[in-house]
Amino acid sequence: MASLRRVLLNVTSYCQRSLTQSSYSTSGMLSRSVVKHANNLGQIQARHFTTTLMKSGPKHSGTEQGVKRNSADHRRRLLAARFELRRKLYKAFCKDPDLPSEMRDKNRYKLSKLPRNSAFARIRNRCVFTGRSRSVTELFRVSRIVFRGLASKGALMGITKSSW
Protein backbone atom coordinates (compact mmCIF):
# COMPACT_ATOMS: atom_id res chain seq x y z
CA MET A 1 0.00 0.00 0.00
CA ALA A 2 2.83 2.37 0.83
CA SER A 3 4.42 1.55 -2.51
CA LEU A 4 1.22 2.38 -4.38
CA ARG A 5 0.86 5.65 -2.44
CA ARG A 6 4.44 6.59 -3.38
CA VAL A 7 3.72 5.78 -7.04
CA LEU A 8 0.61 7.96 -6.97
CA LEU A 9 2.65 10.83 -5.54
CA ASN A 10 5.23 10.36 -8.30
CA VAL A 11 2.51 10.36 -10.95
CA THR A 12 0.91 13.45 -9.43
CA SER A 13 4.19 15.34 -9.46
CA TYR A 14 4.86 14.16 -13.03
CA CYS A 15 1.47 15.46 -14.17
CA GLN A 16 1.96 18.76 -12.37
CA ARG A 17 5.41 19.25 -13.88
CA SER A 18 4.33 18.41 -17.39
CA LEU A 19 1.25 20.63 -17.17
CA THR A 20 3.03 23.68 -15.83
CA GLN A 21 6.30 23.25 -17.73
CA SER A 22 5.45 25.24 -20.83
CA SER A 23 2.63 27.28 -22.26
CA TYR A 24 2.34 25.19 -25.43
CA SER A 25 1.76 21.52 -26.03
CA THR A 26 3.90 19.22 -28.13
CA SER A 27 2.04 20.31 -31.22
CA GLY A 28 2.58 23.96 -30.39
CA MET A 29 -1.02 25.11 -30.69
CA LEU A 30 -3.03 23.72 -27.80
CA SER A 31 -2.54 25.52 -24.51
CA ARG A 32 -1.44 23.56 -21.50
CA SER A 33 -3.67 23.11 -18.52
CA VAL A 34 -3.43 25.43 -15.58
CA VAL A 35 -2.93 23.64 -12.28
CA LYS A 36 -4.38 25.22 -9.15
CA HIS A 37 -3.63 23.84 -5.69
CA ALA A 38 -3.07 20.29 -6.89
CA ASN A 39 -2.55 18.14 -3.82
CA ASN A 40 -3.84 15.02 -5.52
CA LEU A 41 -5.11 14.01 -8.95
CA GLY A 42 -8.73 14.76 -8.07
CA GLN A 43 -8.02 18.44 -7.54
CA ILE A 44 -6.34 19.16 -10.87
CA GLN A 45 -8.47 21.59 -12.82
CA ALA A 46 -7.71 22.10 -16.50
CA ARG A 47 -8.62 24.95 -18.79
CA HIS A 48 -8.08 24.48 -22.47
CA PHE A 49 -8.22 26.93 -25.31
CA THR A 50 -8.97 25.66 -28.77
CA THR A 51 -8.65 27.34 -32.09
CA THR A 52 -11.48 28.84 -34.05
CA LEU A 53 -12.86 26.84 -36.95
CA MET A 54 -12.16 29.16 -39.85
CA LYS A 55 -12.10 32.84 -40.65
CA SER A 56 -13.95 33.96 -43.72
CA GLY A 57 -12.25 36.55 -45.86
CA PRO A 58 -13.35 38.18 -49.08
CA LYS A 59 -10.56 36.84 -51.30
CA HIS A 60 -9.20 33.89 -49.35
CA SER A 61 -12.51 32.34 -48.37
CA GLY A 62 -11.11 28.81 -48.52
CA THR A 63 -12.55 25.77 -50.17
CA GLU A 64 -15.12 23.36 -48.89
CA GLN A 65 -12.32 20.88 -48.23
CA GLY A 66 -10.45 23.50 -46.19
CA VAL A 67 -13.50 24.00 -44.01
CA LYS A 68 -13.79 20.24 -43.51
CA ARG A 69 -10.11 19.94 -42.64
CA ASN A 70 -10.25 22.76 -40.13
CA SER A 71 -13.41 21.42 -38.50
CA ALA A 72 -11.81 17.95 -38.23
CA ASP A 73 -8.72 19.54 -36.69
CA HIS A 74 -10.95 21.45 -34.28
CA ARG A 75 -12.62 18.19 -33.20
CA ARG A 76 -9.20 16.64 -32.67
CA ARG A 77 -8.17 19.57 -30.49
CA LEU A 78 -11.30 19.21 -28.39
CA LEU A 79 -10.67 15.47 -27.95
CA ALA A 80 -7.02 16.07 -27.06
CA ALA A 81 -8.05 18.63 -24.45
CA ARG A 82 -10.66 16.26 -23.03
CA PHE A 83 -8.36 13.23 -22.71
CA GLU A 84 -5.07 15.01 -21.94
CA LEU A 85 -4.90 14.27 -18.21
CA ARG A 86 -6.11 10.69 -18.61
CA ARG A 87 -3.52 10.05 -21.34
CA LYS A 88 -0.73 11.54 -19.19
CA LEU A 89 -1.77 9.41 -16.22
CA TYR A 90 -1.79 6.17 -18.24
CA LYS A 91 1.59 7.03 -19.79
CA ALA A 92 3.09 7.75 -16.37
CA PHE A 93 1.80 4.43 -15.03
CA CYS A 94 3.18 2.59 -18.09
CA LYS A 95 6.65 4.08 -17.67
CA ASP A 96 6.96 3.59 -13.90
CA PRO A 97 9.31 0.64 -13.23
CA ASP A 98 8.21 0.37 -9.57
CA LEU A 99 4.77 -0.91 -10.55
CA PRO A 100 4.07 -4.59 -11.20
CA SER A 101 4.09 -5.57 -14.86
CA GLU A 102 0.38 -6.56 -14.81
CA MET A 103 -0.60 -3.06 -13.71
CA ARG A 104 1.64 -1.47 -16.35
CA ASP A 105 0.16 -3.73 -19.03
CA LYS A 106 -3.36 -2.89 -17.88
CA ASN A 107 -2.63 0.84 -18.16
CA ARG A 108 -0.96 0.32 -21.54
CA TYR A 109 -4.14 -1.41 -22.70
CA LYS A 110 -6.27 1.48 -21.38
CA LEU A 111 -3.99 3.92 -23.20
CA SER A 112 -4.46 2.01 -26.44
CA LYS A 113 -8.25 2.11 -26.01
CA LEU A 114 -8.36 5.92 -25.88
CA PRO A 115 -9.55 7.57 -29.10
CA ARG A 116 -6.79 7.94 -31.68
CA ASN A 117 -7.76 11.52 -32.40
CA SER A 118 -7.11 12.44 -28.77
CA ALA A 119 -3.33 12.18 -29.28
CA PHE A 120 -1.36 15.42 -29.64
CA ALA A 121 0.59 13.89 -32.52
CA ARG A 122 -2.53 14.01 -34.71
CA ILE A 123 -3.01 17.76 -34.26
CA ARG A 124 -1.64 19.81 -37.13
CA ASN A 125 -1.32 23.58 -37.47
CA ARG A 126 -3.58 24.74 -40.30
CA CYS A 127 -4.18 27.97 -42.16
CA VAL A 128 -7.34 29.65 -40.86
CA PHE A 129 -8.22 30.88 -44.34
CA THR A 130 -7.57 27.91 -46.62
CA GLY A 131 -7.05 24.91 -44.33
CA ARG A 132 -3.59 24.28 -45.79
CA SER A 133 -1.37 22.36 -43.37
CA ARG A 134 2.06 22.88 -44.90
CA SER A 135 4.21 25.98 -44.32
CA VAL A 136 1.87 27.66 -41.85
CA THR A 137 3.27 30.72 -40.08
CA GLU A 138 2.80 30.05 -36.39
CA LEU A 139 2.48 33.70 -35.37
CA PHE A 140 -0.28 34.60 -37.84
CA ARG A 141 -1.74 31.08 -38.39
CA VAL A 142 -1.86 31.51 -42.16
CA SER A 143 -0.05 29.66 -44.96
CA ARG A 144 2.85 31.23 -46.83
CA ILE A 145 0.63 31.91 -49.85
CA VAL A 146 -2.02 33.78 -47.86
CA PHE A 147 0.69 35.49 -45.80
CA ARG A 148 2.35 36.87 -48.94
CA GLY A 149 -0.95 38.16 -50.28
CA LEU A 150 -1.97 39.81 -47.02
CA ALA A 151 1.49 41.30 -46.47
CA SER A 152 1.61 42.80 -49.96
CA LYS A 153 -1.79 44.44 -49.39
CA GLY A 154 -0.70 45.78 -46.03
CA ALA A 155 -3.39 43.85 -44.16
CA LEU A 156 -0.90 42.61 -41.55
CA MET A 157 0.17 45.31 -39.12
CA GLY A 158 3.92 45.84 -38.96
CA ILE A 159 4.65 43.60 -41.95
CA THR A 160 5.96 45.31 -45.08
CA LYS A 161 7.95 44.12 -48.05
CA SER A 162 11.57 44.98 -47.49
CA SER A 163 13.25 47.47 -49.77
CA TRP A 164 16.66 49.09 -49.56
C-alpha atoms as a PDB file:
ATOM      1  CA  MET A   1       0.000   0.000   0.000  1.00  0.00           C
ATOM      2  CA  ALA A   2       2.827   2.375   0.829  1.00  0.00           C
ATOM      3  CA  SER A   3       4.425   1.549  -2.507  1.00  0.00           C
ATOM      4  CA  LEU A   4       1.220   2.377  -4.380  1.00  0.00           C
ATOM      5  CA  ARG A   5       0.862   5.647  -2.441  1.00  0.00           C
ATOM      6  CA  ARG A   6       4.438   6.587  -3.384  1.00  0.00           C
ATOM      7  CA  VAL A   7       3.725   5.783  -7.040  1.00  0.00           C
ATOM      8  CA  LEU A   8       0.606   7.961  -6.974  1.00  0.00           C
ATOM      9  CA  LEU A   9       2.647  10.827  -5.537  1.00  0.00           C
ATOM     10  CA  ASN A  10       5.233  10.363  -8.298  1.00  0.00           C
ATOM     11  CA  VAL A  11       2.508  10.359 -10.950  1.00  0.00           C
ATOM     12  CA  THR A  12       0.909  13.452  -9.431  1.00  0.00           C
ATOM     13  CA  SER A  13       4.193  15.341  -9.460  1.00  0.00           C
ATOM     14  CA  TYR A  14       4.856  14.160 -13.034  1.00  0.00           C
ATOM     15  CA  CYS A  15       1.466  15.458 -14.172  1.00  0.00           C
ATOM     16  CA  GLN A  16       1.955  18.761 -12.369  1.00  0.00           C
ATOM     17  CA  ARG A  17       5.411  19.255 -13.875  1.00  0.00           C
ATOM     18  CA  SER A  18       4.325  18.408 -17.390  1.00  0.00           C
ATOM     19  CA  LEU A  19       1.249  20.629 -17.174  1.00  0.00           C
ATOM     20  CA  THR A  20       3.027  23.683 -15.831  1.00  0.00           C
ATOM     21  CA  GLN A  21       6.297  23.247 -17.727  1.00  0.00           C
ATOM     22  CA  SER A  22       5.453  25.242 -20.830  1.00  0.00           C
ATOM     23  CA  SER A  23       2.631  27.284 -22.262  1.00  0.00           C
ATOM     24  CA  TYR A  24       2.338  25.193 -25.430  1.00  0.00           C
ATOM     25  CA  SER A  25       1.764  21.522 -26.033  1.00  0.00           C
ATOM     26  CA  THR A  26       3.902  19.218 -28.127  1.00  0.00           C
ATOM     27  CA  SER A  27       2.040  20.310 -31.219  1.00  0.00           C
ATOM     28  CA  GLY A  28       2.580  23.964 -30.395  1.00  0.00           C
ATOM     29  CA  MET A  29      -1.021  25.107 -30.688  1.00  0.00           C
ATOM     30  CA  LEU A  30      -3.033  23.723 -27.800  1.00  0.00           C
ATOM     31  CA  SER A  31      -2.542  25.518 -24.509  1.00  0.00           C
ATOM     32  CA  ARG A  32      -1.443  23.562 -21.501  1.00  0.00           C
ATOM     33  CA  SER A  33      -3.669  23.110 -18.524  1.00  0.00           C
ATOM     34  CA  VAL A  34      -3.428  25.434 -15.583  1.00  0.00           C
ATOM     35  CA  VAL A  35      -2.930  23.642 -12.283  1.00  0.00           C
ATOM     36  CA  LYS A  36      -4.385  25.224  -9.152  1.00  0.00           C
ATOM     37  CA  HIS A  37      -3.631  23.840  -5.688  1.00  0.00           C
ATOM     38  CA  ALA A  38      -3.071  20.291  -6.893  1.00  0.00           C
ATOM     39  CA  ASN A  39      -2.548  18.142  -3.817  1.00  0.00           C
ATOM     40  CA  ASN A  40      -3.839  15.018  -5.523  1.00  0.00           C
ATOM     41  CA  LEU A  41      -5.106  14.015  -8.949  1.00  0.00           C
ATOM     42  CA  GLY A  42      -8.725  14.757  -8.067  1.00  0.00           C
ATOM     43  CA  GLN A  43      -8.016  18.439  -7.541  1.00  0.00           C
ATOM     44  CA  ILE A  44      -6.343  19.158 -10.868  1.00  0.00           C
ATOM     45  CA  GLN A  45      -8.474  21.592 -12.820  1.00  0.00           C
ATOM     46  CA  ALA A  46      -7.715  22.098 -16.495  1.00  0.00           C
ATOM     47  CA  ARG A  47      -8.624  24.947 -18.792  1.00  0.00           C
ATOM     48  CA  HIS A  48      -8.081  24.480 -22.475  1.00  0.00           C
ATOM     49  CA  PHE A  49      -8.220  26.926 -25.306  1.00  0.00           C
ATOM     50  CA  THR A  50      -8.970  25.655 -28.769  1.00  0.00           C
ATOM     51  CA  THR A  51      -8.649  27.340 -32.089  1.00  0.00           C
ATOM     52  CA  THR A  52     -11.484  28.836 -34.052  1.00  0.00           C
ATOM     53  CA  LEU A  53     -12.861  26.843 -36.950  1.00  0.00           C
ATOM     54  CA  MET A  54     -12.162  29.163 -39.849  1.00  0.00           C
ATOM     55  CA  LYS A  55     -12.101  32.845 -40.649  1.00  0.00           C
ATOM     56  CA  SER A  56     -13.953  33.955 -43.718  1.00  0.00           C
ATOM     57  CA  GLY A  57     -12.245  36.548 -45.858  1.00  0.00           C
ATOM     58  CA  PRO A  58     -13.354  38.180 -49.080  1.00  0.00           C
ATOM     59  CA  LYS A  59     -10.559  36.843 -51.300  1.00  0.00           C
ATOM     60  CA  HIS A  60      -9.202  33.885 -49.350  1.00  0.00           C
ATOM     61  CA  SER A  61     -12.505  32.342 -48.374  1.00  0.00           C
ATOM     62  CA  GLY A  62     -11.115  28.809 -48.517  1.00  0.00           C
ATOM     63  CA  THR A  63     -12.546  25.775 -50.166  1.00  0.00           C
ATOM     64  CA  GLU A  64     -15.124  23.359 -48.887  1.00  0.00           C
ATOM     65  CA  GLN A  65     -12.318  20.881 -48.234  1.00  0.00           C
ATOM     66  CA  GLY A  66     -10.455  23.498 -46.194  1.00  0.00           C
ATOM     67  CA  VAL A  67     -13.505  24.005 -44.013  1.00  0.00           C
ATOM     68  CA  LYS A  68     -13.792  20.245 -43.514  1.00  0.00           C
ATOM     69  CA  ARG A  69     -10.110  19.944 -42.645  1.00  0.00           C
ATOM     70  CA  ASN A  70     -10.252  22.761 -40.130  1.00  0.00           C
ATOM     71  CA  SER A  71     -13.407  21.415 -38.503  1.00  0.00           C
ATOM     72  CA  ALA A  72     -11.809  17.954 -38.233  1.00  0.00           C
ATOM     73  CA  ASP A  73      -8.719  19.543 -36.690  1.00  0.00           C
ATOM     74  CA  HIS A  74     -10.955  21.451 -34.284  1.00  0.00           C
ATOM     75  CA  ARG A  75     -12.622  18.193 -33.200  1.00  0.00           C
ATOM     76  CA  ARG A  76      -9.195  16.636 -32.672  1.00  0.00           C
ATOM     77  CA  ARG A  77      -8.167  19.573 -30.492  1.00  0.00           C
ATOM     78  CA  LEU A  78     -11.298  19.211 -28.388  1.00  0.00           C
ATOM     79  CA  LEU A  79     -10.670  15.473 -27.948  1.00  0.00           C
ATOM     80  CA  ALA A  80      -7.018  16.068 -27.055  1.00  0.00           C
ATOM     81  CA  ALA A  81      -8.051  18.631 -24.450  1.00  0.00           C
ATOM     82  CA  ARG A  82     -10.655  16.261 -23.031  1.00  0.00           C
ATOM     83  CA  PHE A  83      -8.358  13.234 -22.713  1.00  0.00           C
ATOM     84  CA  GLU A  84      -5.067  15.010 -21.941  1.00  0.00           C
ATOM     85  CA  LEU A  85      -4.904  14.269 -18.208  1.00  0.00           C
ATOM     86  CA  ARG A  86      -6.106  10.687 -18.605  1.00  0.00           C
ATOM     87  CA  ARG A  87      -3.525  10.049 -21.341  1.00  0.00           C
ATOM     88  CA  LYS A  88      -0.729  11.541 -19.193  1.00  0.00           C
ATOM     89  CA  LEU A  89      -1.775   9.408 -16.221  1.00  0.00           C
ATOM     90  CA  TYR A  90      -1.786   6.173 -18.242  1.00  0.00           C
ATOM     91  CA  LYS A  91       1.587   7.029 -19.787  1.00  0.00           C
ATOM     92  CA  ALA A  92       3.088   7.755 -16.374  1.00  0.00           C
ATOM     93  CA  PHE A  93       1.802   4.426 -15.030  1.00  0.00           C
ATOM     94  CA  CYS A  94       3.181   2.588 -18.087  1.00  0.00           C
ATOM     95  CA  LYS A  95       6.651   4.076 -17.672  1.00  0.00           C
ATOM     96  CA  ASP A  96       6.961   3.587 -13.898  1.00  0.00           C
ATOM     97  CA  PRO A  97       9.312   0.636 -13.227  1.00  0.00           C
ATOM     98  CA  ASP A  98       8.210   0.373  -9.568  1.00  0.00           C
ATOM     99  CA  LEU A  99       4.767  -0.906 -10.546  1.00  0.00           C
ATOM    100  CA  PRO A 100       4.073  -4.589 -11.196  1.00  0.00           C
ATOM    101  CA  SER A 101       4.090  -5.575 -14.856  1.00  0.00           C
ATOM    102  CA  GLU A 102       0.382  -6.557 -14.806  1.00  0.00           C
ATOM    103  CA  MET A 103      -0.599  -3.060 -13.710  1.00  0.00           C
ATOM    104  CA  ARG A 104       1.638  -1.471 -16.353  1.00  0.00           C
ATOM    105  CA  ASP A 105       0.162  -3.734 -19.027  1.00  0.00           C
ATOM    106  CA  LYS A 106      -3.357  -2.887 -17.881  1.00  0.00           C
ATOM    107  CA  ASN A 107      -2.629   0.844 -18.157  1.00  0.00           C
ATOM    108  CA  ARG A 108      -0.960   0.324 -21.542  1.00  0.00           C
ATOM    109  CA  TYR A 109      -4.144  -1.413 -22.700  1.00  0.00           C
ATOM    110  CA  LYS A 110      -6.270   1.480 -21.380  1.00  0.00           C
ATOM    111  CA  LEU A 111      -3.990   3.917 -23.203  1.00  0.00           C
ATOM    112  CA  SER A 112      -4.460   2.006 -26.443  1.00  0.00           C
ATOM    113  CA  LYS A 113      -8.246   2.106 -26.014  1.00  0.00           C
ATOM    114  CA  LEU A 114      -8.359   5.920 -25.882  1.00  0.00           C
ATOM    115  CA  PRO A 115      -9.547   7.566 -29.104  1.00  0.00           C
ATOM    116  CA  ARG A 116      -6.795   7.943 -31.684  1.00  0.00           C
ATOM    117  CA  ASN A 117      -7.758  11.525 -32.403  1.00  0.00           C
ATOM    118  CA  SER A 118      -7.115  12.438 -28.766  1.00  0.00           C
ATOM    119  CA  ALA A 119      -3.333  12.185 -29.280  1.00  0.00           C
ATOM    120  CA  PHE A 120      -1.361  15.421 -29.644  1.00  0.00           C
ATOM    121  CA  ALA A 121       0.592  13.894 -32.524  1.00  0.00           C
ATOM    122  CA  ARG A 122      -2.527  14.011 -34.714  1.00  0.00           C
ATOM    123  CA  ILE A 123      -3.008  17.756 -34.264  1.00  0.00           C
ATOM    124  CA  ARG A 124      -1.642  19.806 -37.125  1.00  0.00           C
ATOM    125  CA  ASN A 125      -1.317  23.578 -37.470  1.00  0.00           C
ATOM    126  CA  ARG A 126      -3.579  24.737 -40.301  1.00  0.00           C
ATOM    127  CA  CYS A 127      -4.179  27.975 -42.162  1.00  0.00           C
ATOM    128  CA  VAL A 128      -7.335  29.645 -40.859  1.00  0.00           C
ATOM    129  CA  PHE A 129      -8.224  30.882 -44.343  1.00  0.00           C
ATOM    130  CA  THR A 130      -7.572  27.911 -46.622  1.00  0.00           C
ATOM    131  CA  GLY A 131      -7.050  24.913 -44.327  1.00  0.00           C
ATOM    132  CA  ARG A 132      -3.595  24.283 -45.787  1.00  0.00           C
ATOM    133  CA  SER A 133      -1.369  22.357 -43.374  1.00  0.00           C
ATOM    134  CA  ARG A 134       2.062  22.885 -44.899  1.00  0.00           C
ATOM    135  CA  SER A 135       4.214  25.975 -44.318  1.00  0.00           C
ATOM    136  CA  VAL A 136       1.875  27.657 -41.846  1.00  0.00           C
ATOM    137  CA  THR A 137       3.273  30.720 -40.083  1.00  0.00           C
ATOM    138  CA  GLU A 138       2.796  30.048 -36.385  1.00  0.00           C
ATOM    139  CA  LEU A 139       2.475  33.700 -35.372  1.00  0.00           C
ATOM    140  CA  PHE A 140      -0.285  34.600 -37.835  1.00  0.00           C
ATOM    141  CA  ARG A 141      -1.735  31.081 -38.389  1.00  0.00           C
ATOM    142  CA  VAL A 142      -1.856  31.505 -42.160  1.00  0.00           C
ATOM    143  CA  SER A 143      -0.046  29.660 -44.956  1.00  0.00           C
ATOM    144  CA  ARG A 144       2.851  31.228 -46.833  1.00  0.00           C
ATOM    145  CA  ILE A 145       0.626  31.906 -49.848  1.00  0.00           C
ATOM    146  CA  VAL A 146      -2.023  33.775 -47.862  1.00  0.00           C
ATOM    147  CA  PHE A 147       0.692  35.486 -45.799  1.00  0.00           C
ATOM    148  CA  ARG A 148       2.347  36.866 -48.937  1.00  0.00           C
ATOM    149  CA  GLY A 149      -0.954  38.164 -50.281  1.00  0.00           C
ATOM    150  CA  LEU A 150      -1.970  39.808 -47.015  1.00  0.00           C
ATOM    151  CA  ALA A 151       1.493  41.300 -46.471  1.00  0.00           C
ATOM    152  CA  SER A 152       1.608  42.800 -49.959  1.00  0.00           C
ATOM    153  CA  LYS A 153      -1.795  44.435 -49.391  1.00  0.00           C
ATOM    154  CA  GLY A 154      -0.704  45.781 -46.030  1.00  0.00           C
ATOM    155  CA  ALA A 155      -3.389  43.849 -44.155  1.00  0.00           C
ATOM    156  CA  LEU A 156      -0.898  42.608 -41.546  1.00  0.00           C
ATOM    157  CA  MET A 157       0.167  45.306 -39.116  1.00  0.00           C
ATOM    158  CA  GLY A 158       3.916  45.836 -38.957  1.00  0.00           C
ATOM    159  CA  ILE A 159       4.653  43.596 -41.948  1.00  0.00           C
ATOM    160  CA  THR A 160       5.963  45.306 -45.078  1.00  0.00           C
ATOM    161  CA  LYS A 161       7.946  44.124 -48.048  1.00  0.00           C
ATOM    162  CA  SER A 162      11.574  44.980 -47.489  1.00  0.00           C
ATOM    163  CA  SER A 163      13.252  47.470 -49.775  1.00  0.00           C
ATOM    164  CA  TRP A 164      16.657  49.095 -49.563  1.00  0.00           C
END
